Amino acid sequence: MHTVKEAAQITGLTEHAVRFYTDKGLVPSIQRNQNNIRMFDEESINWLHGIKCLKQSGMPIKVIKKYVDLCLEGDSTILQRSLLMMDHKEAALAKLEEAKQHVAHLEEKIALYQAILEHRSPDITNPGNWERIQHMHSDVFYSPPVRNV
């Protein structure tokens, strides 16, 4: 049997994370000793490893809890667990596409900064300078609608 500290060392989680996951009901095989101290057997350590893996994939705690509950129901939930993983994969792919867009935007910004540093472009990155260059980018600056009175 392992203490919280030992379970954290074995799994690479923080002690806080181990306590948090057990408090959320994600480690169903958790045991407590006569002093109500959490104790972890090998099955509990396996649950922690599994939770860590799912959490690192970006899975929310609520979904991990659903997964744990399905696992506890047994083999009759294999299809449901598979669908849960497919849904999570789709969400991860959407986040990946979003991250790719962020990287592309940052690459454009870096190229712009390089042009500024090489004096090939005015500094259009500083909001304090935008009033002077607004004419260059009128399509992106806010202009209040004209009201017909």
N, C-alpha and C. Protein backbone atom coordinates (compact mmCIF):
# COMPACT_ATOMS: atom_id res chain seq x y z
N MET A 1 0.84 -1.18 0.00
CA MET A 1 0.00 0.00 0.00
C MET A 1 0.89 1.25 0.00
N HIS A 2 0.39 2.27 -0.69
CA HIS A 2 1.16 3.49 -0.85
C HIS A 2 0.40 4.69 -0.29
N THR A 3 1.15 5.64 0.23
CA THR A 3 0.57 6.90 0.71
C THR A 3 0.35 7.83 -0.49
N VAL A 4 -0.29 8.96 -0.24
CA VAL A 4 -0.49 9.97 -1.28
C VAL A 4 0.86 10.39 -1.86
N LYS A 5 1.81 10.64 -0.98
CA LYS A 5 3.14 11.07 -1.42
C LYS A 5 3.78 10.02 -2.33
N GLU A 6 3.70 8.77 -1.93
CA GLU A 6 4.29 7.69 -2.72
C GLU A 6 3.54 7.52 -4.05
N ALA A 7 2.22 7.62 -4.00
CA ALA A 7 1.43 7.51 -5.24
C ALA A 7 1.80 8.63 -6.21
N ALA A 8 2.01 9.82 -5.67
CA ALA A 8 2.42 10.95 -6.50
C ALA A 8 3.78 10.68 -7.14
N GLN A 9 4.71 10.16 -6.37
CA GLN A 9 6.04 9.87 -6.90
C GLN A 9 5.98 8.79 -7.97
N ILE A 10 5.20 7.77 -7.75
CA ILE A 10 5.09 6.65 -8.69
C ILE A 10 4.47 7.11 -10.01
N THR A 11 3.46 7.95 -9.93
CA THR A 11 2.71 8.35 -11.13
C THR A 11 3.23 9.62 -11.80
N GLY A 12 4.04 10.37 -11.08
CA GLY A 12 4.50 11.65 -11.62
C GLY A 12 3.48 12.76 -11.47
N LEU A 13 2.46 12.51 -10.70
CA LEU A 13 1.46 13.53 -10.39
C LEU A 13 1.89 14.30 -9.15
N THR A 14 1.29 15.45 -8.93
CA THR A 14 1.53 16.14 -7.66
C THR A 14 0.65 15.51 -6.59
N GLU A 15 1.03 15.72 -5.34
CA GLU A 15 0.20 15.22 -4.25
C GLU A 15 -1.18 15.87 -4.31
N HIS A 16 -1.21 17.15 -4.66
CA HIS A 16 -2.49 17.86 -4.79
C HIS A 16 -3.37 17.18 -5.85
N ALA A 17 -2.78 16.83 -6.99
CA ALA A 17 -3.55 16.18 -8.06
C ALA A 17 -4.08 14.82 -7.60
N VAL A 18 -3.26 14.07 -6.91
CA VAL A 18 -3.70 12.76 -6.40
C VAL A 18 -4.91 12.94 -5.48
N ARG A 19 -4.83 13.89 -4.58
CA ARG A 19 -5.96 14.13 -3.66
C ARG A 19 -7.19 14.61 -4.43
N PHE A 20 -6.97 15.52 -5.37
CA PHE A 20 -8.07 16.06 -6.17
C PHE A 20 -8.78 14.93 -6.93
N TYR A 21 -8.01 14.08 -7.59
CA TYR A 21 -8.62 12.99 -8.37
C TYR A 21 -9.37 12.02 -7.47
N THR A 22 -8.84 11.75 -6.29
CA THR A 22 -9.56 10.84 -5.39
C THR A 22 -10.83 11.51 -4.86
N ASP A 23 -10.74 12.80 -4.57
CA ASP A 23 -11.93 13.52 -4.09
C ASP A 23 -13.02 13.59 -5.15
N LYS A 24 -12.64 13.59 -6.42
CA LYS A 24 -13.61 13.64 -7.52
C LYS A 24 -14.18 12.25 -7.85
N GLY A 25 -13.73 11.23 -7.13
CA GLY A 25 -14.25 9.88 -7.35
C GLY A 25 -13.65 9.19 -8.55
N LEU A 26 -12.46 9.61 -8.96
CA LEU A 26 -11.84 9.03 -10.16
C LEU A 26 -10.96 7.82 -9.85
N VAL A 27 -10.77 7.53 -8.58
CA VAL A 27 -9.97 6.37 -8.18
C VAL A 27 -10.86 5.47 -7.32
N PRO A 28 -11.64 4.63 -7.98
CA PRO A 28 -12.64 3.85 -7.24
C PRO A 28 -12.06 2.83 -6.27
N SER A 29 -10.82 2.43 -6.48
CA SER A 29 -10.25 1.40 -5.61
C SER A 29 -9.48 1.99 -4.42
N ILE A 30 -9.63 3.31 -4.22
CA ILE A 30 -8.94 3.96 -3.11
C ILE A 30 -9.41 3.35 -1.79
N GLN A 31 -8.46 3.20 -0.90
CA GLN A 31 -8.79 2.67 0.43
C GLN A 31 -8.33 3.69 1.46
N ARG A 32 -8.82 3.55 2.65
CA ARG A 32 -8.39 4.42 3.75
C ARG A 32 -8.01 3.54 4.93
N ASN A 33 -6.98 3.97 5.65
CA ASN A 33 -6.56 3.20 6.82
C ASN A 33 -7.38 3.60 8.05
N GLN A 34 -7.01 3.07 9.19
CA GLN A 34 -7.78 3.33 10.42
C GLN A 34 -7.80 4.81 10.81
N ASN A 35 -6.84 5.60 10.28
CA ASN A 35 -6.80 7.03 10.56
C ASN A 35 -7.42 7.86 9.43
N ASN A 36 -8.13 7.18 8.54
CA ASN A 36 -8.81 7.80 7.39
C ASN A 36 -7.83 8.42 6.38
N ILE A 37 -6.60 7.88 6.37
CA ILE A 37 -5.58 8.33 5.42
C ILE A 37 -5.74 7.53 4.13
N ARG A 38 -5.70 8.25 3.00
CA ARG A 38 -5.81 7.56 1.71
C ARG A 38 -4.64 6.59 1.53
N MET A 39 -4.97 5.40 1.05
CA MET A 39 -3.96 4.39 0.76
C MET A 39 -4.22 3.83 -0.64
N PHE A 40 -3.16 3.64 -1.38
CA PHE A 40 -3.26 3.24 -2.78
C PHE A 40 -2.61 1.88 -2.99
N ASP A 41 -3.39 0.95 -3.54
CA ASP A 41 -2.83 -0.33 -3.94
C ASP A 41 -2.45 -0.24 -5.42
N GLU A 42 -2.03 -1.33 -6.01
CA GLU A 42 -1.59 -1.31 -7.42
C GLU A 42 -2.73 -0.92 -8.36
N GLU A 43 -3.95 -1.37 -8.06
CA GLU A 43 -5.08 -0.99 -8.89
C GLU A 43 -5.32 0.52 -8.83
N SER A 44 -5.21 1.09 -7.64
CA SER A 44 -5.37 2.54 -7.49
C SER A 44 -4.30 3.29 -8.27
N ILE A 45 -3.09 2.79 -8.24
CA ILE A 45 -2.00 3.40 -9.01
C ILE A 45 -2.31 3.32 -10.50
N ASN A 46 -2.85 2.19 -10.94
CA ASN A 46 -3.23 2.04 -12.35
C ASN A 46 -4.30 3.07 -12.74
N TRP A 47 -5.30 3.26 -11.86
CA TRP A 47 -6.32 4.27 -12.13
C TRP A 47 -5.68 5.65 -12.26
N LEU A 48 -4.75 5.96 -11.38
CA LEU A 48 -4.07 7.27 -11.45
C LEU A 48 -3.30 7.44 -12.75
N HIS A 49 -2.61 6.38 -13.18
CA HIS A 49 -1.89 6.44 -14.46
C HIS A 49 -2.88 6.70 -15.61
N GLY A 50 -4.01 6.00 -15.57
CA GLY A 50 -5.02 6.17 -16.62
C GLY A 50 -5.60 7.57 -16.62
N ILE A 51 -5.88 8.10 -15.45
CA ILE A 51 -6.42 9.45 -15.32
C ILE A 51 -5.42 10.46 -15.84
N LYS A 52 -4.16 10.27 -15.47
CA LYS A 52 -3.10 11.18 -15.93
C LYS A 52 -3.05 11.21 -17.46
N CYS A 53 -3.12 10.06 -18.06
CA CYS A 53 -3.09 9.96 -19.52
C CYS A 53 -4.27 10.69 -20.15
N LEU A 54 -5.45 10.46 -19.64
CA LEU A 54 -6.65 11.12 -20.18
C LEU A 54 -6.58 12.62 -19.96
N LYS A 55 -6.13 13.04 -18.79
CA LYS A 55 -6.04 14.47 -18.49
C LYS A 55 -5.02 15.14 -19.40
N GLN A 56 -3.90 14.47 -19.65
CA GLN A 56 -2.88 15.03 -20.55
C GLN A 56 -3.39 15.14 -21.98
N SER A 57 -4.37 14.34 -22.33
CA SER A 57 -4.95 14.43 -23.67
C SER A 57 -5.94 15.59 -23.77
N GLY A 58 -6.18 16.26 -22.64
CA GLY A 58 -7.10 17.39 -22.62
C GLY A 58 -8.51 17.03 -22.22
N MET A 59 -8.73 15.81 -21.80
CA MET A 59 -10.08 15.40 -21.42
C MET A 59 -10.51 16.09 -20.12
N PRO A 60 -11.70 16.67 -20.12
CA PRO A 60 -12.20 17.32 -18.90
C PRO A 60 -12.49 16.30 -17.80
N ILE A 61 -12.40 16.76 -16.56
CA ILE A 61 -12.63 15.89 -15.40
C ILE A 61 -14.01 15.23 -15.46
N LYS A 62 -15.04 15.96 -15.87
CA LYS A 62 -16.39 15.38 -15.94
C LYS A 62 -16.43 14.19 -16.91
N VAL A 63 -15.71 14.30 -18.01
CA VAL A 63 -15.70 13.22 -19.00
C VAL A 63 -14.88 12.05 -18.46
N ILE A 64 -13.78 12.36 -17.77
CA ILE A 64 -12.99 11.29 -17.16
C ILE A 64 -13.85 10.54 -16.14
N LYS A 65 -14.64 11.26 -15.37
CA LYS A 65 -15.52 10.63 -14.38
C LYS A 65 -16.52 9.71 -15.08
N LYS A 66 -17.07 10.17 -16.19
CA LYS A 66 -18.00 9.34 -16.95
C LYS A 66 -17.29 8.07 -17.44
N TYR A 67 -16.06 8.24 -17.91
CA TYR A 67 -15.27 7.10 -18.38
C TYR A 67 -15.02 6.10 -17.25
N VAL A 68 -14.62 6.62 -16.08
CA VAL A 68 -14.38 5.75 -14.93
C VAL A 68 -15.66 4.99 -14.58
N ASP A 69 -16.78 5.70 -14.53
CA ASP A 69 -18.06 5.05 -14.21
C ASP A 69 -18.40 3.96 -15.21
N LEU A 70 -18.15 4.23 -16.49
CA LEU A 70 -18.41 3.22 -17.52
C LEU A 70 -17.50 2.01 -17.34
N CYS A 71 -16.23 2.26 -17.03
CA CYS A 71 -15.31 1.15 -16.79
C CYS A 71 -15.79 0.27 -15.65
N LEU A 72 -16.32 0.89 -14.62
CA LEU A 72 -16.80 0.14 -13.46
C LEU A 72 -18.02 -0.72 -13.80
N GLU A 73 -18.78 -0.29 -14.82
CA GLU A 73 -19.93 -1.09 -15.23
C GLU A 73 -19.51 -2.34 -15.99
N GLY A 74 -18.29 -2.35 -16.52
CA GLY A 74 -17.78 -3.55 -17.16
C GLY A 74 -17.81 -3.53 -18.67
N ASP A 75 -17.66 -4.73 -19.22
CA ASP A 75 -17.52 -4.90 -20.67
C ASP A 75 -18.75 -4.46 -21.47
N SER A 76 -19.89 -4.39 -20.83
CA SER A 76 -21.11 -3.98 -21.55
C SER A 76 -21.03 -2.52 -21.99
N THR A 77 -20.04 -1.78 -21.49
CA THR A 77 -19.92 -0.35 -21.83
C THR A 77 -18.76 -0.08 -22.80
N ILE A 78 -18.19 -1.11 -23.38
CA ILE A 78 -17.05 -0.91 -24.28
C ILE A 78 -17.43 0.01 -25.44
N LEU A 79 -18.60 -0.19 -26.03
CA LEU A 79 -19.02 0.68 -27.13
C LEU A 79 -19.15 2.13 -26.66
N GLN A 80 -19.75 2.34 -25.51
CA GLN A 80 -19.91 3.70 -24.97
C GLN A 80 -18.55 4.35 -24.71
N ARG A 81 -17.62 3.57 -24.17
CA ARG A 81 -16.28 4.10 -23.91
C ARG A 81 -15.57 4.45 -25.22
N SER A 82 -15.77 3.61 -26.20
CA SER A 82 -15.18 3.86 -27.52
C SER A 82 -15.74 5.14 -28.12
N LEU A 83 -17.06 5.33 -28.02
CA LEU A 83 -17.68 6.55 -28.54
C LEU A 83 -17.20 7.79 -27.78
N LEU A 84 -17.02 7.63 -26.48
CA LEU A 84 -16.50 8.73 -25.67
C LEU A 84 -15.11 9.13 -26.16
N MET A 85 -14.27 8.14 -26.45
CA MET A 85 -12.92 8.42 -26.97
C MET A 85 -12.98 9.06 -28.35
N MET A 86 -13.89 8.60 -29.20
CA MET A 86 -14.02 9.19 -30.53
C MET A 86 -14.45 10.65 -30.43
N ASP A 87 -15.39 10.94 -29.54
CA ASP A 87 -15.82 12.33 -29.34
C ASP A 87 -14.66 13.19 -28.85
N HIS A 88 -13.90 12.64 -27.93
CA HIS A 88 -12.76 13.39 -27.40
C HIS A 88 -11.71 13.62 -28.49
N LYS A 89 -11.52 12.62 -29.33
CA LYS A 89 -10.57 12.77 -30.44
C LYS A 89 -11.01 13.90 -31.37
N GLU A 90 -12.29 13.97 -31.67
CA GLU A 90 -12.81 15.04 -32.54
C GLU A 90 -12.58 16.41 -31.90
N ALA A 91 -12.81 16.50 -30.61
CA ALA A 91 -12.57 17.77 -29.90
C ALA A 91 -11.08 18.12 -29.93
N ALA A 92 -10.23 17.12 -29.77
CA ALA A 92 -8.78 17.36 -29.80
C ALA A 92 -8.34 17.80 -31.19
N LEU A 93 -8.92 17.20 -32.22
CA LEU A 93 -8.57 17.60 -33.60
C LEU A 93 -9.00 19.04 -33.87
N ALA A 94 -10.15 19.43 -33.34
CA ALA A 94 -10.61 20.82 -33.51
C ALA A 94 -9.65 21.78 -32.81
N LYS A 95 -9.19 21.41 -31.62
CA LYS A 95 -8.22 22.24 -30.90
C LYS A 95 -6.89 22.30 -31.65
N LEU A 96 -6.52 21.19 -32.27
CA LEU A 96 -5.29 21.16 -33.06
C LEU A 96 -5.37 22.12 -34.23
N GLU A 97 -6.50 22.13 -34.93
CA GLU A 97 -6.68 23.06 -36.05
C GLU A 97 -6.63 24.50 -35.56
N GLU A 98 -7.23 24.75 -34.42
CA GLU A 98 -7.19 26.09 -33.84
C GLU A 98 -5.75 26.47 -33.49
N ALA A 99 -5.01 25.53 -32.93
CA ALA A 99 -3.61 25.80 -32.58
C ALA A 99 -2.78 26.07 -33.83
N LYS A 100 -3.06 25.35 -34.92
CA LYS A 100 -2.35 25.59 -36.18
C LYS A 100 -2.63 27.01 -36.68
N GLN A 101 -3.85 27.47 -36.53
CA GLN A 101 -4.18 28.84 -36.93
C GLN A 101 -3.43 29.86 -36.07
N HIS A 102 -3.32 29.57 -34.79
CA HIS A 102 -2.57 30.46 -33.89
C HIS A 102 -1.10 30.53 -34.30
N VAL A 103 -0.53 29.38 -34.62
CA VAL A 103 0.87 29.33 -35.03
C VAL A 103 1.06 30.11 -36.33
N ALA A 104 0.16 29.94 -37.28
CA ALA A 104 0.26 30.68 -38.55
C ALA A 104 0.19 32.18 -38.29
N HIS A 105 -0.71 32.59 -37.41
CA HIS A 105 -0.82 34.01 -37.06
C HIS A 105 0.48 34.52 -36.42
N LEU A 106 1.04 33.72 -35.52
CA LEU A 106 2.29 34.12 -34.87
C LEU A 106 3.43 34.19 -35.87
N GLU A 107 3.46 33.30 -36.84
CA GLU A 107 4.50 33.35 -37.88
C GLU A 107 4.38 34.64 -38.69
N GLU A 108 3.14 35.06 -38.97
CA GLU A 108 2.94 36.33 -39.68
C GLU A 108 3.43 37.50 -38.83
N LYS A 109 3.12 37.45 -37.53
CA LYS A 109 3.56 38.52 -36.63
C LYS A 109 5.09 38.58 -36.56
N ILE A 110 5.72 37.42 -36.48
CA ILE A 110 7.18 37.38 -36.41
C ILE A 110 7.78 37.95 -37.69
N ALA A 111 7.21 37.60 -38.83
CA ALA A 111 7.69 38.15 -40.11
C ALA A 111 7.50 39.67 -40.13
N LEU A 112 6.39 40.14 -39.60
CA LEU A 112 6.14 41.58 -39.54
C LEU A 112 7.18 42.26 -38.65
N TYR A 113 7.45 41.68 -37.48
CA TYR A 113 8.46 42.26 -36.61
C TYR A 113 9.83 42.28 -37.28
N GLN A 114 10.14 41.24 -38.03
CA GLN A 114 11.42 41.20 -38.74
C GLN A 114 11.48 42.35 -39.75
N ALA A 115 10.38 42.58 -40.46
CA ALA A 115 10.32 43.68 -41.43
C ALA A 115 10.47 45.03 -40.72
N ILE A 116 9.87 45.17 -39.55
CA ILE A 116 10.00 46.41 -38.78
C ILE A 116 11.45 46.60 -38.35
N LEU A 117 12.06 45.53 -37.84
CA LEU A 117 13.46 45.61 -37.40
C LEU A 117 14.40 45.96 -38.55
N GLU A 118 14.06 45.51 -39.75
CA GLU A 118 14.89 45.78 -40.93
C GLU A 118 14.46 47.07 -41.63
N HIS A 119 13.58 47.83 -40.99
CA HIS A 119 13.12 49.13 -41.49
C HIS A 119 12.44 49.01 -42.86
N ARG A 120 11.78 47.89 -43.10
CA ARG A 120 11.03 47.70 -44.34
C ARG A 120 9.55 47.98 -44.13
N SER A 121 9.14 48.19 -42.88
CA SER A 121 7.73 48.42 -42.57
C SER A 121 7.64 49.32 -41.34
N PRO A 122 6.60 50.17 -41.28
CA PRO A 122 6.40 50.96 -40.05
C PRO A 122 5.89 50.03 -38.95
N ASP A 123 6.01 50.49 -37.72
CA ASP A 123 5.54 49.69 -36.59
C ASP A 123 4.03 49.78 -36.50
N ILE A 124 3.36 48.77 -37.03
CA ILE A 124 1.90 48.72 -36.97
C ILE A 124 1.43 47.78 -35.86
N THR A 125 2.36 47.30 -35.06
CA THR A 125 2.00 46.37 -33.99
C THR A 125 1.64 47.07 -32.69
N ASN A 126 2.06 48.32 -32.56
CA ASN A 126 1.85 49.07 -31.33
C ASN A 126 0.53 49.85 -31.41
N PRO A 127 -0.45 49.50 -30.58
CA PRO A 127 -1.73 50.23 -30.62
C PRO A 127 -1.57 51.74 -30.46
N GLY A 128 -0.48 52.17 -29.81
CA GLY A 128 -0.23 53.59 -29.66
C GLY A 128 0.08 54.28 -30.98
N ASN A 129 0.47 53.50 -31.99
CA ASN A 129 0.79 54.07 -33.32
C ASN A 129 -0.36 53.93 -34.31
N TRP A 130 -1.41 53.28 -33.94
CA TRP A 130 -2.46 52.95 -34.91
C TRP A 130 -3.14 54.18 -35.49
N GLU A 131 -3.27 55.22 -34.70
CA GLU A 131 -3.93 56.42 -35.23
C GLU A 131 -3.16 56.97 -36.43
N ARG A 132 -1.84 56.88 -36.40
CA ARG A 132 -1.02 57.40 -37.49
C ARG A 132 -1.09 56.52 -38.75
N ILE A 133 -1.42 55.25 -38.57
CA ILE A 133 -1.42 54.35 -39.73
C ILE A 133 -2.80 53.82 -40.08
N GLN A 134 -3.81 54.35 -39.44
CA GLN A 134 -5.17 53.86 -39.65
C GLN A 134 -5.55 53.87 -41.13
N HIS A 135 -5.08 54.87 -41.85
CA HIS A 135 -5.40 54.97 -43.28
C HIS A 135 -4.89 53.77 -44.07
N MET A 136 -3.85 53.10 -43.55
CA MET A 136 -3.28 51.95 -44.24
C MET A 136 -4.13 50.69 -44.07
N HIS A 137 -4.89 50.64 -43.01
CA HIS A 137 -5.65 49.43 -42.69
C HIS A 137 -7.07 49.77 -42.26
N SER A 138 -7.72 50.57 -43.02
CA SER A 138 -9.06 51.01 -42.63
C SER A 138 -10.05 49.85 -42.55
N ASP A 139 -9.75 48.75 -43.21
CA ASP A 139 -10.66 47.61 -43.20
C ASP A 139 -10.71 46.89 -41.85
N VAL A 140 -9.69 47.05 -41.04
CA VAL A 140 -9.67 46.34 -39.77
C VAL A 140 -9.94 47.23 -38.57
N PHE A 141 -9.94 48.52 -38.75
CA PHE A 141 -10.20 49.42 -37.63
C PHE A 141 -11.69 49.68 -37.51
N TYR A 142 -12.13 49.78 -36.29
CA TYR A 142 -13.54 50.02 -36.01
C TYR A 142 -13.90 51.45 -36.40
N SER A 143 -14.97 51.56 -37.12
CA SER A 143 -15.52 52.89 -37.37
C SER A 143 -16.99 52.84 -37.08
N PRO A 144 -17.46 53.73 -36.24
CA PRO A 144 -18.89 53.68 -35.86
C PRO A 144 -19.79 53.89 -37.07
N PRO A 145 -20.92 53.21 -37.09
CA PRO A 145 -21.82 53.37 -38.23
C PRO A 145 -22.35 54.81 -38.30
N VAL A 146 -22.57 55.25 -39.50
CA VAL A 146 -23.13 56.59 -39.69
C VAL A 146 -24.63 56.49 -39.51
N ARG A 147 -25.18 57.39 -38.70
CA ARG A 147 -26.61 57.37 -38.43
C ARG A 147 -27.30 58.37 -39.33
N ASN A 148 -28.36 57.94 -39.93
CA ASN A 148 -29.20 58.85 -40.71
C ASN A 148 -30.30 59.38 -39.80
N VAL A 149 -30.25 60.64 -39.53
CA VAL A 149 -31.24 61.23 -38.61
C VAL A 149 -32.23 62.03 -39.38
